[in-house]
């Protein structure tokens, strides 16, 4: 049985760019160690927007251009990029149906024992992907490592962790 680590949106714009936070910067060493020592496959996601971002529904609700395809802010953080073995899964919104479908296909050929999520932002993209994966693979253990996640605020990080726990997602290091 396989174990999979999903590294959610560890991109420059979310770390110390226009949507960065001190908490996002602080988790970088823990995230790097988690990737380095993870005993299984590691997949990255990458928030991906186009130049027309401000005219999208998300852009109207969060009018801060970020993660524009090809920009420096869109890139996975350099110290994590060197640990990346596969091309990131680009996602145009918070959660990725493509990621969930890919995991379902992988599970059919080699059952997945656990899927662990880490990254940014706990209260937006981490929770969205954790819930999607839980819906697609309800019998697979879904884990979120709270020490390797950061939210928009510490309060929203904690709220998201509690919401995921209520949906039978295991929260480690909370």
N, C-alpha and C. Protein backbone atom coordinates (compact mmCIF):
# COMPACT_ATOMS: atom_id res chain seq x y z
N UNK A 1 0.85 -1.19 0.00
CA UNK A 1 0.00 0.00 0.00
C UNK A 1 0.89 1.24 0.00
N UNK A 2 0.44 2.22 -0.72
CA UNK A 2 1.26 3.42 -0.86
C UNK A 2 0.82 4.56 0.05
N UNK A 3 1.75 5.45 0.30
CA UNK A 3 1.53 6.67 1.07
C UNK A 3 1.88 7.84 0.15
N UNK A 4 1.02 8.85 0.16
CA UNK A 4 1.22 10.00 -0.73
C UNK A 4 1.20 11.28 0.10
N UNK A 5 2.12 12.18 -0.25
CA UNK A 5 2.19 13.51 0.36
C UNK A 5 1.80 14.53 -0.69
N UNK A 6 0.84 15.38 -0.37
CA UNK A 6 0.42 16.46 -1.26
C UNK A 6 0.94 17.77 -0.67
N UNK A 7 1.79 18.46 -1.41
CA UNK A 7 2.35 19.75 -1.00
C UNK A 7 1.53 20.82 -1.73
N UNK A 8 0.68 21.50 -0.97
CA UNK A 8 -0.29 22.43 -1.55
C UNK A 8 0.27 23.85 -1.64
N UNK A 9 0.43 24.33 -2.86
CA UNK A 9 0.66 25.75 -3.17
C UNK A 9 1.78 26.42 -2.39
N UNK A 10 2.91 25.75 -2.26
CA UNK A 10 4.06 26.37 -1.59
C UNK A 10 4.79 27.27 -2.60
N UNK A 11 4.10 28.33 -2.97
CA UNK A 11 4.54 29.26 -4.01
C UNK A 11 4.96 30.59 -3.40
N UNK A 12 5.84 31.26 -4.11
CA UNK A 12 6.38 32.52 -3.62
C UNK A 12 5.31 33.54 -3.22
N UNK A 13 4.25 33.69 -4.01
CA UNK A 13 3.23 34.69 -3.68
C UNK A 13 2.53 34.40 -2.36
N UNK A 14 2.45 33.13 -1.97
CA UNK A 14 1.80 32.78 -0.71
C UNK A 14 2.77 32.75 0.48
N UNK A 15 4.05 32.78 0.20
CA UNK A 15 5.03 32.70 1.28
C UNK A 15 5.47 34.08 1.72
N UNK A 16 6.06 34.85 0.81
CA UNK A 16 6.46 36.20 1.18
C UNK A 16 6.11 37.22 0.10
N UNK A 17 5.19 36.84 -0.78
CA UNK A 17 4.70 37.74 -1.82
C UNK A 17 3.48 38.49 -1.33
N UNK A 18 2.62 38.92 -2.24
CA UNK A 18 1.47 39.76 -1.87
C UNK A 18 0.48 39.09 -0.91
N UNK A 19 0.45 37.77 -0.87
CA UNK A 19 -0.44 37.06 0.06
C UNK A 19 0.36 36.29 1.12
N UNK A 20 1.62 36.62 1.27
CA UNK A 20 2.48 35.95 2.24
C UNK A 20 2.16 36.33 3.67
N UNK A 21 2.60 35.47 4.58
CA UNK A 21 2.43 35.71 6.02
C UNK A 21 3.68 35.25 6.75
N UNK A 22 3.92 35.78 7.94
CA UNK A 22 5.05 35.28 8.75
C UNK A 22 4.92 33.78 9.04
N UNK A 23 3.69 33.30 9.20
CA UNK A 23 3.47 31.88 9.49
C UNK A 23 3.87 31.02 8.29
N UNK A 24 3.61 31.51 7.08
CA UNK A 24 3.99 30.77 5.87
C UNK A 24 5.51 30.67 5.76
N UNK A 25 6.19 31.76 6.05
CA UNK A 25 7.66 31.74 6.04
C UNK A 25 8.17 30.77 7.10
N UNK A 26 7.54 30.77 8.26
CA UNK A 26 8.00 29.95 9.38
C UNK A 26 7.90 28.45 9.12
N UNK A 27 6.92 28.01 8.32
CA UNK A 27 6.78 26.56 8.11
C UNK A 27 7.74 26.01 7.05
N UNK A 28 8.43 26.86 6.30
CA UNK A 28 9.29 26.38 5.21
C UNK A 28 10.27 25.27 5.62
N UNK A 29 11.03 25.42 6.70
CA UNK A 29 11.95 24.33 7.07
C UNK A 29 11.24 23.02 7.41
N UNK A 30 10.08 23.11 8.06
CA UNK A 30 9.32 21.90 8.41
C UNK A 30 8.79 21.22 7.15
N UNK A 31 8.32 22.03 6.22
CA UNK A 31 7.81 21.49 4.95
C UNK A 31 8.93 20.78 4.19
N UNK A 32 10.10 21.43 4.12
CA UNK A 32 11.24 20.82 3.42
C UNK A 32 11.62 19.49 4.07
N UNK A 33 11.66 19.44 5.38
CA UNK A 33 11.99 18.19 6.08
C UNK A 33 10.93 17.12 5.85
N UNK A 34 9.67 17.52 5.87
CA UNK A 34 8.58 16.56 5.64
C UNK A 34 8.73 15.92 4.26
N UNK A 35 9.00 16.75 3.25
CA UNK A 35 9.19 16.24 1.89
C UNK A 35 10.42 15.34 1.83
N UNK A 36 11.50 15.81 2.38
CA UNK A 36 12.79 15.10 2.32
C UNK A 36 12.70 13.70 2.93
N UNK A 37 11.95 13.57 4.01
CA UNK A 37 11.92 12.30 4.74
C UNK A 37 10.62 11.52 4.57
N UNK A 38 9.77 11.96 3.66
CA UNK A 38 8.49 11.27 3.48
C UNK A 38 8.70 9.92 2.80
N UNK A 39 8.14 8.85 3.37
CA UNK A 39 8.34 7.50 2.82
C UNK A 39 7.31 7.13 1.75
N UNK A 40 7.22 7.94 0.71
CA UNK A 40 6.26 7.64 -0.35
C UNK A 40 6.36 8.68 -1.44
N UNK A 41 5.35 8.69 -2.28
CA UNK A 41 5.31 9.63 -3.41
C UNK A 41 4.92 11.02 -2.94
N UNK A 42 5.54 12.05 -3.54
CA UNK A 42 5.27 13.45 -3.20
C UNK A 42 4.75 14.16 -4.45
N UNK A 43 3.57 14.78 -4.31
CA UNK A 43 2.98 15.56 -5.39
C UNK A 43 2.83 17.01 -4.93
N UNK A 44 3.06 17.94 -5.84
CA UNK A 44 2.89 19.36 -5.55
C UNK A 44 1.69 19.89 -6.33
N UNK A 45 0.98 20.84 -5.74
CA UNK A 45 -0.02 21.60 -6.49
C UNK A 45 0.50 23.03 -6.63
N UNK A 46 -0.04 23.70 -7.63
CA UNK A 46 0.37 25.07 -7.88
C UNK A 46 -0.88 25.88 -8.26
N UNK A 47 -1.22 26.86 -7.44
CA UNK A 47 -2.30 27.79 -7.74
C UNK A 47 -1.92 28.49 -9.05
N UNK A 48 -2.82 28.52 -10.01
CA UNK A 48 -2.47 29.03 -11.33
C UNK A 48 -3.56 29.92 -11.88
N UNK A 49 -3.22 31.18 -12.08
CA UNK A 49 -4.17 32.15 -12.64
C UNK A 49 -3.62 32.74 -13.92
N UNK A 50 -4.50 33.38 -14.66
CA UNK A 50 -4.12 34.05 -15.90
C UNK A 50 -4.12 35.56 -15.69
N UNK A 51 -3.71 36.25 -16.70
CA UNK A 51 -3.64 37.73 -16.64
C UNK A 51 -5.00 38.36 -16.33
N UNK A 52 -6.08 37.67 -16.69
CA UNK A 52 -7.43 38.22 -16.46
C UNK A 52 -7.95 37.93 -15.04
N UNK A 53 -7.08 37.59 -14.13
CA UNK A 53 -7.47 37.18 -12.78
C UNK A 53 -8.48 38.13 -12.14
N UNK A 54 -8.27 39.43 -12.24
CA UNK A 54 -9.15 40.39 -11.57
C UNK A 54 -10.57 40.37 -12.11
N UNK A 55 -10.79 39.83 -13.30
CA UNK A 55 -12.14 39.76 -13.86
C UNK A 55 -12.84 38.43 -13.52
N UNK A 56 -12.14 37.53 -12.82
CA UNK A 56 -12.75 36.26 -12.43
C UNK A 56 -13.52 36.43 -11.12
N UNK A 57 -14.35 35.45 -10.80
CA UNK A 57 -15.09 35.51 -9.54
C UNK A 57 -14.13 35.60 -8.36
N UNK A 58 -13.09 34.77 -8.36
CA UNK A 58 -12.12 34.83 -7.27
C UNK A 58 -11.46 36.20 -7.20
N UNK A 59 -11.06 36.73 -8.36
CA UNK A 59 -10.40 38.03 -8.41
C UNK A 59 -11.28 39.17 -7.92
N UNK A 60 -12.59 39.05 -8.13
CA UNK A 60 -13.51 40.08 -7.64
C UNK A 60 -13.66 40.01 -6.13
N UNK A 61 -13.50 38.79 -5.57
CA UNK A 61 -13.61 38.62 -4.12
C UNK A 61 -12.28 38.79 -3.40
N UNK A 62 -11.20 38.54 -4.10
CA UNK A 62 -9.85 38.72 -3.56
C UNK A 62 -9.04 39.49 -4.62
N UNK A 63 -9.20 40.82 -4.64
CA UNK A 63 -8.58 41.61 -5.70
C UNK A 63 -7.08 41.85 -5.51
N UNK A 64 -6.34 40.75 -5.35
CA UNK A 64 -4.89 40.80 -5.22
C UNK A 64 -4.32 39.85 -6.28
N UNK A 65 -3.81 40.38 -7.39
CA UNK A 65 -3.24 39.48 -8.39
C UNK A 65 -2.13 38.63 -7.76
N UNK A 66 -2.19 37.34 -8.01
CA UNK A 66 -1.21 36.42 -7.45
C UNK A 66 -1.15 35.15 -8.31
N UNK A 67 -0.02 34.48 -8.23
CA UNK A 67 0.20 33.20 -8.90
C UNK A 67 -0.21 33.24 -10.37
N UNK A 68 0.18 34.32 -11.05
CA UNK A 68 -0.08 34.45 -12.48
C UNK A 68 0.91 33.54 -13.20
N UNK A 69 0.37 32.64 -14.03
CA UNK A 69 1.19 31.65 -14.75
C UNK A 69 2.44 32.30 -15.33
N UNK A 70 3.59 31.69 -15.01
CA UNK A 70 4.86 32.15 -15.54
C UNK A 70 5.56 33.20 -14.70
N UNK A 71 4.87 33.81 -13.75
CA UNK A 71 5.49 34.86 -12.93
C UNK A 71 6.37 34.23 -11.84
N UNK A 72 7.22 35.05 -11.25
CA UNK A 72 8.07 34.57 -10.16
C UNK A 72 7.22 34.14 -8.96
N UNK A 73 6.13 34.85 -8.71
CA UNK A 73 5.24 34.51 -7.60
C UNK A 73 4.53 33.18 -7.78
N UNK A 74 4.36 32.73 -9.02
CA UNK A 74 3.71 31.46 -9.35
C UNK A 74 4.61 30.27 -9.07
N UNK A 75 5.91 30.51 -9.03
CA UNK A 75 6.89 29.43 -8.89
C UNK A 75 6.85 28.80 -7.50
N UNK A 76 7.10 27.49 -7.47
CA UNK A 76 7.30 26.80 -6.19
C UNK A 76 8.58 27.37 -5.58
N UNK A 77 8.58 27.55 -4.28
CA UNK A 77 9.73 28.11 -3.57
C UNK A 77 10.99 27.33 -3.91
N UNK A 78 12.09 28.03 -4.19
CA UNK A 78 13.33 27.40 -4.66
C UNK A 78 13.80 26.25 -3.77
N UNK A 79 13.79 26.43 -2.45
CA UNK A 79 14.31 25.38 -1.58
C UNK A 79 13.44 24.13 -1.58
N UNK A 80 12.20 24.25 -2.06
CA UNK A 80 11.33 23.08 -2.19
C UNK A 80 11.37 22.52 -3.60
N UNK A 81 11.58 23.39 -4.57
CA UNK A 81 11.62 22.98 -5.98
C UNK A 81 12.70 21.92 -6.20
N UNK A 82 13.82 22.05 -5.48
CA UNK A 82 14.90 21.08 -5.63
C UNK A 82 14.50 19.70 -5.10
N UNK A 83 13.44 19.62 -4.29
CA UNK A 83 12.96 18.35 -3.75
C UNK A 83 11.84 17.75 -4.60
N UNK A 84 11.39 18.51 -5.58
CA UNK A 84 10.27 18.13 -6.43
C UNK A 84 10.73 17.20 -7.54
N UNK A 85 10.07 16.05 -7.65
CA UNK A 85 10.45 15.08 -8.68
C UNK A 85 9.49 15.08 -9.86
N UNK A 86 8.24 15.44 -9.63
CA UNK A 86 7.22 15.44 -10.67
C UNK A 86 6.74 16.86 -10.95
N UNK A 87 6.23 17.08 -12.14
CA UNK A 87 5.66 18.38 -12.50
C UNK A 87 4.47 18.67 -11.59
N UNK A 88 4.37 19.89 -11.05
CA UNK A 88 3.22 20.21 -10.19
C UNK A 88 1.90 20.13 -10.95
N UNK A 89 0.85 19.89 -10.21
CA UNK A 89 -0.50 19.91 -10.76
C UNK A 89 -1.00 21.34 -10.65
N UNK A 90 -1.20 21.97 -11.80
CA UNK A 90 -1.71 23.35 -11.81
C UNK A 90 -3.21 23.31 -11.59
N UNK A 91 -3.67 24.14 -10.66
CA UNK A 91 -5.10 24.17 -10.36
C UNK A 91 -5.63 25.60 -10.49
N UNK A 92 -6.72 25.78 -11.22
CA UNK A 92 -7.24 27.13 -11.47
C UNK A 92 -8.09 27.68 -10.34
N UNK A 93 -8.32 26.87 -9.33
CA UNK A 93 -9.15 27.30 -8.20
C UNK A 93 -8.65 26.61 -6.93
N UNK A 94 -9.38 26.77 -5.85
CA UNK A 94 -8.92 26.30 -4.55
C UNK A 94 -8.65 24.80 -4.51
N UNK A 95 -9.62 24.01 -4.91
CA UNK A 95 -9.49 22.57 -4.91
C UNK A 95 -9.26 22.05 -6.32
N UNK A 96 -8.65 20.88 -6.43
CA UNK A 96 -8.34 20.31 -7.73
C UNK A 96 -9.05 18.99 -7.94
N UNK A 97 -10.07 18.99 -8.79
CA UNK A 97 -10.74 17.75 -9.16
C UNK A 97 -9.76 16.85 -9.90
N UNK A 98 -8.84 17.45 -10.68
CA UNK A 98 -7.83 16.67 -11.41
C UNK A 98 -6.97 15.88 -10.43
N UNK A 99 -6.55 16.51 -9.33
CA UNK A 99 -5.76 15.82 -8.31
C UNK A 99 -6.56 14.66 -7.72
N UNK A 100 -7.80 14.90 -7.35
CA UNK A 100 -8.63 13.86 -6.75
C UNK A 100 -8.81 12.69 -7.71
N UNK A 101 -9.04 12.98 -8.98
CA UNK A 101 -9.20 11.91 -9.98
C UNK A 101 -7.90 11.13 -10.17
N UNK A 102 -6.77 11.84 -10.19
CA UNK A 102 -5.46 11.18 -10.31
C UNK A 102 -5.24 10.22 -9.14
N UNK A 103 -5.60 10.66 -7.94
CA UNK A 103 -5.45 9.81 -6.76
C UNK A 103 -6.37 8.59 -6.83
N UNK A 104 -7.58 8.77 -7.36
CA UNK A 104 -8.49 7.63 -7.53
C UNK A 104 -7.90 6.61 -8.48
N UNK A 105 -7.34 7.07 -9.58
CA UNK A 105 -6.72 6.17 -10.54
C UNK A 105 -5.53 5.43 -9.92
N UNK A 106 -4.71 6.15 -9.17
CA UNK A 106 -3.57 5.53 -8.50
C UNK A 106 -4.03 4.49 -7.50
N UNK A 107 -5.12 4.77 -6.80
CA UNK A 107 -5.66 3.86 -5.80
C UNK A 107 -6.16 2.56 -6.43
N UNK A 108 -6.67 2.64 -7.65
CA UNK A 108 -7.18 1.45 -8.34
C UNK A 108 -6.05 0.46 -8.65
N UNK A 109 -4.89 1.00 -9.03
CA UNK A 109 -3.79 0.11 -9.41
C UNK A 109 -2.93 -0.32 -8.23
N UNK A 110 -2.82 0.53 -7.23
CA UNK A 110 -2.02 0.23 -6.04
C UNK A 110 -2.68 0.96 -4.87
N UNK A 111 -3.44 0.27 -4.04
CA UNK A 111 -4.21 0.93 -2.99
C UNK A 111 -3.38 1.93 -2.16
N UNK A 112 -4.00 3.05 -1.88
CA UNK A 112 -3.36 4.11 -1.08
C UNK A 112 -3.79 3.93 0.37
N UNK A 113 -2.81 3.79 1.24
CA UNK A 113 -3.11 3.66 2.67
C UNK A 113 -3.40 5.02 3.29
N UNK A 114 -2.58 6.02 2.91
CA UNK A 114 -2.79 7.36 3.49
C UNK A 114 -2.36 8.43 2.51
N UNK A 115 -3.04 9.58 2.63
CA UNK A 115 -2.69 10.78 1.88
C UNK A 115 -2.54 11.89 2.90
N UNK A 116 -1.36 12.49 2.94
CA UNK A 116 -1.08 13.58 3.87
C UNK A 116 -0.99 14.88 3.07
N UNK A 117 -1.64 15.92 3.59
CA UNK A 117 -1.58 17.23 2.96
C UNK A 117 -0.83 18.20 3.86
N UNK A 118 -0.01 19.04 3.22
CA UNK A 118 0.70 20.12 3.91
C UNK A 118 0.68 21.33 2.98
N UNK A 119 0.94 22.52 3.51
CA UNK A 119 1.08 23.68 2.64
C UNK A 119 0.19 24.84 2.99
N UNK A 120 -0.18 25.58 1.93
CA UNK A 120 -0.85 26.87 2.06
C UNK A 120 -2.10 26.91 1.18
N UNK A 121 -3.02 27.64 1.58
CA UNK A 121 -3.37 28.14 2.89
C UNK A 121 -4.30 27.13 3.54
N UNK A 122 -4.12 26.84 4.79
CA UNK A 122 -4.91 25.83 5.50
C UNK A 122 -6.40 26.06 5.29
N UNK A 123 -6.81 27.32 5.40
CA UNK A 123 -8.22 27.68 5.41
C UNK A 123 -8.82 27.89 4.02
N UNK A 124 -8.04 27.70 2.97
CA UNK A 124 -8.59 27.85 1.62
C UNK A 124 -8.24 26.61 0.79
N UNK A 125 -7.02 26.50 0.36
CA UNK A 125 -6.66 25.42 -0.58
C UNK A 125 -6.39 24.09 0.10
N UNK A 126 -5.81 24.08 1.28
CA UNK A 126 -5.58 22.80 1.97
C UNK A 126 -6.92 22.16 2.31
N UNK A 127 -7.81 22.91 2.94
CA UNK A 127 -9.12 22.33 3.31
C UNK A 127 -9.91 21.94 2.07
N UNK A 128 -9.87 22.73 1.01
CA UNK A 128 -10.60 22.40 -0.21
C UNK A 128 -10.12 21.08 -0.80
N UNK A 129 -8.82 20.89 -0.88
CA UNK A 129 -8.28 19.65 -1.44
C UNK A 129 -8.49 18.47 -0.51
N UNK A 130 -8.36 18.68 0.78
CA UNK A 130 -8.59 17.59 1.74
C UNK A 130 -10.03 17.09 1.64
N UNK A 131 -10.98 18.01 1.54
CA UNK A 131 -12.39 17.62 1.46
C UNK A 131 -12.71 16.94 0.13
N UNK A 132 -12.14 17.44 -0.96
CA UNK A 132 -12.35 16.78 -2.26
C UNK A 132 -11.79 15.36 -2.24
N UNK A 133 -10.59 15.21 -1.74
CA UNK A 133 -9.95 13.89 -1.71
C UNK A 133 -10.76 12.94 -0.81
N UNK A 134 -11.23 13.46 0.32
CA UNK A 134 -12.06 12.64 1.22
C UNK A 134 -13.34 12.19 0.52
N UNK A 135 -13.93 13.06 -0.30
CA UNK A 135 -15.15 12.71 -1.02
C UNK A 135 -14.87 11.65 -2.09
N UNK A 136 -13.72 11.76 -2.77
CA UNK A 136 -13.37 10.81 -3.82
C UNK A 136 -12.87 9.48 -3.25
N UNK A 137 -12.21 9.52 -2.11
CA UNK A 137 -11.61 8.32 -1.51
C UNK A 137 -12.02 8.23 -0.03
N UNK A 138 -13.29 7.97 0.25
CA UNK A 138 -13.78 8.02 1.63
C UNK A 138 -13.17 6.98 2.57
N UNK A 139 -12.62 5.89 2.03
CA UNK A 139 -12.05 4.86 2.88
C UNK A 139 -10.53 4.98 3.03
N UNK A 140 -9.94 6.00 2.42
CA UNK A 140 -8.50 6.23 2.54
C UNK A 140 -8.26 7.19 3.70
N UNK A 141 -7.25 6.92 4.50
CA UNK A 141 -6.89 7.81 5.61
C UNK A 141 -6.35 9.12 5.04
N UNK A 142 -7.03 10.22 5.34
CA UNK A 142 -6.59 11.55 4.92
C UNK A 142 -6.05 12.24 6.16
N UNK A 143 -4.85 12.79 6.03
CA UNK A 143 -4.15 13.41 7.17
C UNK A 143 -3.73 14.82 6.76
N UNK A 144 -3.83 15.75 7.68
CA UNK A 144 -3.26 17.08 7.50
C UNK A 144 -2.28 17.30 8.64
N UNK A 145 -1.05 17.65 8.28
CA UNK A 145 -0.02 17.94 9.29
C UNK A 145 -0.08 19.43 9.58
N UNK A 146 -0.68 19.78 10.71
CA UNK A 146 -0.90 21.18 11.07
C UNK A 146 0.41 21.97 11.21
N UNK A 147 1.48 21.29 11.59
CA UNK A 147 2.77 21.98 11.77
C UNK A 147 3.40 22.38 10.43
N UNK A 148 2.90 21.80 9.35
CA UNK A 148 3.43 22.10 8.01
C UNK A 148 2.40 22.86 7.17
N UNK A 149 1.48 23.53 7.84
CA UNK A 149 0.46 24.34 7.17
C UNK A 149 0.40 25.71 7.82
N UNK A 150 -0.07 26.67 7.06
CA UNK A 150 -0.34 28.01 7.59
C UNK A 150 -1.56 28.55 6.89
N UNK A 151 -2.36 29.29 7.65
CA UNK A 151 -3.57 29.89 7.09
C UNK A 151 -3.39 31.36 6.82
N UNK A 152 -4.45 31.96 6.34
CA UNK A 152 -4.44 33.40 6.10
C UNK A 152 -4.17 34.14 7.41
N UNK A 153 -4.76 33.62 8.49
CA UNK A 153 -4.49 34.11 9.84
C UNK A 153 -4.34 32.89 10.75
N UNK A 154 -3.71 33.03 11.90
CA UNK A 154 -3.64 31.90 12.83
C UNK A 154 -5.03 31.41 13.25
N UNK A 155 -5.98 32.33 13.39
CA UNK A 155 -7.33 31.95 13.79
C UNK A 155 -8.04 31.14 12.70
N UNK A 156 -7.90 31.56 11.44
CA UNK A 156 -8.57 30.82 10.36
C UNK A 156 -7.88 29.47 10.12
N UNK A 157 -6.59 29.39 10.38
CA UNK A 157 -5.85 28.12 10.32
C UNK A 157 -6.47 27.14 11.32
N UNK A 158 -6.66 27.58 12.55
CA UNK A 158 -7.23 26.73 13.59
C UNK A 158 -8.66 26.33 13.27
N UNK A 159 -9.46 27.27 12.76
CA UNK A 159 -10.84 26.97 12.40
C UNK A 159 -10.90 25.90 11.31
N UNK A 160 -10.04 26.02 10.31
CA UNK A 160 -10.01 25.04 9.21
C UNK A 160 -9.60 23.66 9.72
N UNK A 161 -8.62 23.62 10.62
CA UNK A 161 -8.20 22.32 11.18
C UNK A 161 -9.34 21.65 11.93
N UNK A 162 -10.09 22.44 12.69
CA UNK A 162 -11.23 21.89 13.44
C UNK A 162 -12.32 21.40 12.49
N UNK A 163 -12.55 22.14 11.41
CA UNK A 163 -13.56 21.73 10.43
C UNK A 163 -13.16 20.41 9.76
N UNK A 164 -11.89 20.29 9.39
CA UNK A 164 -11.44 19.05 8.77
C UNK A 164 -11.54 17.88 9.74
N UNK A 165 -11.17 18.10 11.00
CA UNK A 165 -11.27 17.04 12.01
C UNK A 165 -12.72 16.57 12.15
N UNK A 166 -13.66 17.49 12.08
CA UNK A 166 -15.07 17.13 12.19
C UNK A 166 -15.53 16.28 11.01
N UNK A 167 -14.79 16.35 9.91
CA UNK A 167 -15.11 15.56 8.70
C UNK A 167 -14.24 14.32 8.58
N UNK A 168 -13.72 13.86 9.70
CA UNK A 168 -12.95 12.62 9.81
C UNK A 168 -11.64 12.66 9.03
N UNK A 169 -11.05 13.83 8.98
CA UNK A 169 -9.70 13.99 8.45
C UNK A 169 -8.80 14.07 9.68
N UNK A 170 -7.79 13.23 9.72
CA UNK A 170 -6.89 13.21 10.88
C UNK A 170 -5.98 14.43 10.85
N UNK A 171 -5.88 15.11 11.96
CA UNK A 171 -5.01 16.28 12.08
C UNK A 171 -3.85 15.90 13.00
N UNK A 172 -2.65 15.95 12.46
CA UNK A 172 -1.44 15.69 13.24
C UNK A 172 -0.82 17.02 13.67
N UNK A 173 -0.14 17.01 14.79
CA UNK A 173 0.62 18.16 15.30
C UNK A 173 -0.24 19.41 15.49
N UNK A 174 -1.46 19.21 16.00
CA UNK A 174 -2.37 20.34 16.26
C UNK A 174 -2.26 20.75 17.70
